[in-house]
């Protein structure tokens, strides 16, 4: 059986895989903090707190389309920042 990079033969993360994941977490946290507030707030409400766009729009007093665009734009910026540092992030 093949073992994926960053995993042990038992299927769990290897120490190297855990270190890589930890580094990505740190890079992501710094990148999120660097976002402008107008992008960061809707992004965190949608992704970290799992709120619906219509709820976020109501709370921030913005059109739903604006909230969707700001979340999309935050994701795009984060992908670019992380890719520039040599990491990859999925579309999850």
N, C-alpha and C. Protein backbone atom coordinates (compact mmCIF):
# COMPACT_ATOMS: atom_id res chain seq x y z
N UNK A 1 0.84 -1.19 0.00
CA UNK A 1 0.00 0.00 0.00
C UNK A 1 0.88 1.24 0.00
N UNK A 2 0.44 2.24 -0.75
CA UNK A 2 1.20 3.47 -0.80
C UNK A 2 0.86 4.35 0.39
N UNK A 3 1.84 5.10 0.85
CA UNK A 3 1.65 6.03 1.95
C UNK A 3 1.79 7.43 1.39
N UNK A 4 0.79 8.27 1.61
CA UNK A 4 0.83 9.64 1.12
C UNK A 4 1.86 10.44 1.89
N UNK A 5 2.40 11.45 1.23
CA UNK A 5 3.35 12.33 1.90
C UNK A 5 2.66 12.97 3.09
N UNK A 6 3.33 12.97 4.22
CA UNK A 6 2.76 13.58 5.42
C UNK A 6 1.90 12.63 6.22
N UNK A 7 1.85 11.33 5.83
CA UNK A 7 1.07 10.35 6.58
C UNK A 7 1.94 9.18 6.98
N UNK A 8 1.52 8.48 8.01
CA UNK A 8 2.19 7.26 8.42
C UNK A 8 1.51 6.09 7.73
N UNK A 9 2.10 4.90 7.83
CA UNK A 9 1.51 3.71 7.21
C UNK A 9 0.14 3.40 7.79
N UNK A 10 -0.11 3.82 9.03
CA UNK A 10 -1.40 3.59 9.67
C UNK A 10 -2.47 4.57 9.18
N UNK A 11 -2.06 5.54 8.35
CA UNK A 11 -3.02 6.48 7.79
C UNK A 11 -3.13 7.78 8.55
N UNK A 12 -2.49 7.88 9.68
CA UNK A 12 -2.52 9.12 10.45
C UNK A 12 -1.43 10.07 10.00
N UNK A 13 -1.49 11.30 10.48
CA UNK A 13 -0.46 12.26 10.08
C UNK A 13 0.89 11.91 10.68
N UNK A 14 1.94 12.07 9.88
CA UNK A 14 3.29 11.87 10.38
C UNK A 14 3.72 13.12 11.14
N UNK A 15 4.81 13.04 11.88
CA UNK A 15 5.30 14.26 12.54
C UNK A 15 5.58 15.38 11.54
N UNK A 16 6.09 15.02 10.35
CA UNK A 16 6.35 16.02 9.32
C UNK A 16 5.04 16.63 8.82
N UNK A 17 4.03 15.76 8.63
CA UNK A 17 2.73 16.23 8.18
C UNK A 17 2.09 17.16 9.20
N UNK A 18 2.22 16.81 10.47
CA UNK A 18 1.67 17.68 11.52
C UNK A 18 2.41 19.01 11.56
N UNK A 19 3.72 18.98 11.37
CA UNK A 19 4.50 20.22 11.37
C UNK A 19 4.09 21.11 10.19
N UNK A 20 3.89 20.49 9.01
CA UNK A 20 3.47 21.25 7.84
C UNK A 20 2.10 21.86 8.06
N UNK A 21 1.18 21.10 8.65
CA UNK A 21 -0.16 21.61 8.93
C UNK A 21 -0.10 22.75 9.94
N UNK A 22 0.74 22.60 10.95
CA UNK A 22 0.89 23.66 11.95
C UNK A 22 1.44 24.93 11.35
N UNK A 23 2.41 24.79 10.45
CA UNK A 23 2.98 25.96 9.78
C UNK A 23 1.93 26.64 8.91
N UNK A 24 1.14 25.84 8.19
CA UNK A 24 0.07 26.41 7.36
C UNK A 24 -0.95 27.14 8.23
N UNK A 25 -1.29 26.58 9.38
CA UNK A 25 -2.22 27.25 10.30
C UNK A 25 -1.68 28.62 10.72
N UNK A 26 -0.39 28.66 11.03
CA UNK A 26 0.22 29.93 11.45
C UNK A 26 0.22 30.95 10.30
N UNK A 27 0.57 30.48 9.10
CA UNK A 27 0.59 31.36 7.93
C UNK A 27 -0.81 31.89 7.65
N UNK A 28 -1.80 31.00 7.73
CA UNK A 28 -3.19 31.39 7.48
C UNK A 28 -3.67 32.41 8.51
N UNK A 29 -3.34 32.21 9.77
CA UNK A 29 -3.76 33.14 10.82
C UNK A 29 -3.18 34.54 10.57
N UNK A 30 -1.92 34.61 10.19
CA UNK A 30 -1.29 35.90 9.91
C UNK A 30 -1.94 36.54 8.69
N UNK A 31 -2.21 35.74 7.66
CA UNK A 31 -2.83 36.26 6.44
C UNK A 31 -4.23 36.78 6.73
N UNK A 32 -5.00 36.08 7.54
CA UNK A 32 -6.35 36.53 7.88
C UNK A 32 -6.29 37.85 8.64
N UNK A 33 -5.36 37.94 9.60
CA UNK A 33 -5.24 39.19 10.37
C UNK A 33 -4.84 40.36 9.48
N UNK A 34 -4.17 40.08 8.36
CA UNK A 34 -3.73 41.16 7.48
C UNK A 34 -4.83 41.67 6.55
N UNK A 35 -5.95 40.94 6.48
CA UNK A 35 -7.06 41.38 5.63
C UNK A 35 -7.66 42.68 6.17
N UNK A 36 -8.14 43.55 5.28
CA UNK A 36 -8.88 44.71 5.77
C UNK A 36 -10.14 44.26 6.52
N UNK A 37 -10.53 45.00 7.52
CA UNK A 37 -11.68 44.63 8.34
C UNK A 37 -12.93 44.39 7.50
N UNK A 38 -13.14 45.18 6.46
CA UNK A 38 -14.34 45.04 5.63
C UNK A 38 -14.40 43.69 4.92
N UNK A 39 -13.24 43.03 4.74
CA UNK A 39 -13.19 41.68 4.16
C UNK A 39 -13.10 40.62 5.25
N UNK A 40 -12.31 40.91 6.28
CA UNK A 40 -12.07 39.93 7.33
C UNK A 40 -13.35 39.57 8.09
N UNK A 41 -14.14 40.57 8.46
CA UNK A 41 -15.34 40.30 9.27
C UNK A 41 -16.33 39.37 8.55
N UNK A 42 -16.74 39.68 7.31
CA UNK A 42 -17.66 38.76 6.64
C UNK A 42 -17.03 37.38 6.39
N UNK A 43 -15.74 37.36 6.08
CA UNK A 43 -15.06 36.08 5.85
C UNK A 43 -15.12 35.20 7.09
N UNK A 44 -14.76 35.76 8.24
CA UNK A 44 -14.76 34.97 9.48
C UNK A 44 -16.17 34.56 9.89
N UNK A 45 -17.13 35.45 9.72
CA UNK A 45 -18.51 35.09 10.06
C UNK A 45 -19.01 33.94 9.19
N UNK A 46 -18.64 33.96 7.92
CA UNK A 46 -19.10 32.91 6.99
C UNK A 46 -18.34 31.61 7.15
N UNK A 47 -17.02 31.69 7.35
CA UNK A 47 -16.21 30.46 7.34
C UNK A 47 -15.96 29.89 8.73
N UNK A 48 -15.54 30.72 9.65
CA UNK A 48 -15.21 30.22 10.99
C UNK A 48 -16.45 30.02 11.85
N UNK A 49 -17.45 30.88 11.65
CA UNK A 49 -18.64 30.81 12.49
C UNK A 49 -19.84 30.21 11.77
N UNK A 50 -19.69 29.91 10.48
CA UNK A 50 -20.70 29.19 9.69
C UNK A 50 -22.06 29.89 9.63
N UNK A 51 -22.03 31.23 9.57
CA UNK A 51 -23.28 31.96 9.42
C UNK A 51 -23.65 32.07 7.95
N UNK A 52 -24.92 32.19 7.68
CA UNK A 52 -25.42 32.34 6.31
C UNK A 52 -25.17 33.77 5.83
N UNK A 53 -25.03 33.91 4.51
CA UNK A 53 -24.80 35.23 3.94
C UNK A 53 -25.91 36.21 4.28
N UNK A 54 -27.15 35.77 4.28
CA UNK A 54 -28.25 36.69 4.58
C UNK A 54 -28.18 37.19 6.03
N UNK A 55 -27.74 36.33 6.95
CA UNK A 55 -27.57 36.75 8.34
C UNK A 55 -26.47 37.80 8.45
N UNK A 56 -25.36 37.52 7.80
CA UNK A 56 -24.21 38.44 7.84
C UNK A 56 -24.62 39.79 7.23
N UNK A 57 -25.34 39.74 6.12
CA UNK A 57 -25.78 40.97 5.46
C UNK A 57 -26.65 41.80 6.40
N UNK A 58 -27.54 41.14 7.12
CA UNK A 58 -28.40 41.86 8.05
C UNK A 58 -27.58 42.49 9.17
N UNK A 59 -26.67 41.73 9.75
CA UNK A 59 -25.85 42.23 10.87
C UNK A 59 -24.96 43.39 10.44
N UNK A 60 -24.37 43.28 9.23
CA UNK A 60 -23.45 44.31 8.77
C UNK A 60 -24.15 45.41 7.98
N UNK A 61 -25.46 45.25 7.81
CA UNK A 61 -26.27 46.22 7.06
C UNK A 61 -25.71 46.45 5.65
N UNK A 62 -25.52 45.32 4.97
CA UNK A 62 -25.00 45.32 3.60
C UNK A 62 -25.90 44.46 2.73
N UNK A 63 -25.91 44.71 1.42
CA UNK A 63 -26.61 43.80 0.53
C UNK A 63 -25.95 42.41 0.55
N UNK A 64 -26.73 41.37 0.35
CA UNK A 64 -26.20 40.00 0.35
C UNK A 64 -25.10 39.85 -0.70
N UNK A 65 -25.30 40.45 -1.87
CA UNK A 65 -24.29 40.36 -2.93
C UNK A 65 -22.96 40.94 -2.50
N UNK A 66 -22.98 42.00 -1.72
CA UNK A 66 -21.75 42.61 -1.22
C UNK A 66 -21.04 41.67 -0.25
N UNK A 67 -21.81 41.04 0.61
CA UNK A 67 -21.23 40.07 1.56
C UNK A 67 -20.58 38.92 0.79
N UNK A 68 -21.30 38.39 -0.20
CA UNK A 68 -20.75 37.28 -0.99
C UNK A 68 -19.45 37.70 -1.67
N UNK A 69 -19.43 38.91 -2.26
CA UNK A 69 -18.22 39.37 -2.93
C UNK A 69 -17.07 39.53 -1.94
N UNK A 70 -17.35 40.08 -0.77
CA UNK A 70 -16.28 40.29 0.22
C UNK A 70 -15.69 38.96 0.70
N UNK A 71 -16.53 37.95 0.89
CA UNK A 71 -16.03 36.63 1.28
C UNK A 71 -15.19 36.04 0.14
N UNK A 72 -15.69 36.15 -1.09
CA UNK A 72 -14.95 35.67 -2.26
C UNK A 72 -13.60 36.38 -2.37
N UNK A 73 -13.60 37.69 -2.23
CA UNK A 73 -12.38 38.49 -2.35
C UNK A 73 -11.39 38.14 -1.24
N UNK A 74 -11.88 37.94 -0.03
CA UNK A 74 -11.00 37.54 1.08
C UNK A 74 -10.34 36.21 0.76
N UNK A 75 -11.11 35.24 0.26
CA UNK A 75 -10.55 33.94 -0.10
C UNK A 75 -9.50 34.06 -1.18
N UNK A 76 -9.77 34.90 -2.18
CA UNK A 76 -8.82 35.09 -3.27
C UNK A 76 -7.50 35.66 -2.75
N UNK A 77 -7.60 36.68 -1.93
CA UNK A 77 -6.41 37.32 -1.36
C UNK A 77 -5.64 36.33 -0.50
N UNK A 78 -6.35 35.57 0.34
CA UNK A 78 -5.68 34.59 1.20
C UNK A 78 -4.96 33.54 0.37
N UNK A 79 -5.62 33.03 -0.69
CA UNK A 79 -4.97 32.04 -1.56
C UNK A 79 -3.68 32.60 -2.15
N UNK A 80 -3.73 33.85 -2.61
CA UNK A 80 -2.55 34.48 -3.20
C UNK A 80 -1.43 34.64 -2.19
N UNK A 81 -1.77 35.11 -0.99
CA UNK A 81 -0.75 35.30 0.04
C UNK A 81 -0.09 33.98 0.43
N UNK A 82 -0.91 32.94 0.57
CA UNK A 82 -0.40 31.65 1.00
C UNK A 82 0.41 31.00 -0.13
N UNK A 83 -0.06 31.14 -1.36
CA UNK A 83 0.68 30.58 -2.51
C UNK A 83 2.03 31.28 -2.65
N UNK A 84 2.08 32.57 -2.38
CA UNK A 84 3.33 33.32 -2.48
C UNK A 84 4.37 32.81 -1.48
N UNK A 85 3.90 32.19 -0.42
CA UNK A 85 4.80 31.62 0.59
C UNK A 85 5.10 30.15 0.34
N UNK A 86 4.59 29.63 -0.78
CA UNK A 86 4.89 28.26 -1.16
C UNK A 86 3.95 27.21 -0.60
N UNK A 87 2.80 27.62 -0.11
CA UNK A 87 1.82 26.68 0.41
C UNK A 87 0.64 26.57 -0.55
N UNK A 88 -0.12 25.49 -0.44
CA UNK A 88 -1.34 25.33 -1.22
C UNK A 88 -2.51 25.22 -0.28
N UNK A 89 -3.63 25.80 -0.69
CA UNK A 89 -4.86 25.72 0.09
C UNK A 89 -5.95 25.26 -0.84
N UNK A 90 -6.74 24.27 -0.41
CA UNK A 90 -7.86 23.79 -1.22
C UNK A 90 -9.01 24.76 -1.21
N UNK A 91 -10.05 24.44 -1.95
CA UNK A 91 -11.23 25.30 -2.03
C UNK A 91 -12.29 24.92 -1.01
N UNK A 92 -11.94 24.19 0.01
CA UNK A 92 -12.92 23.74 1.01
C UNK A 92 -13.52 24.89 1.75
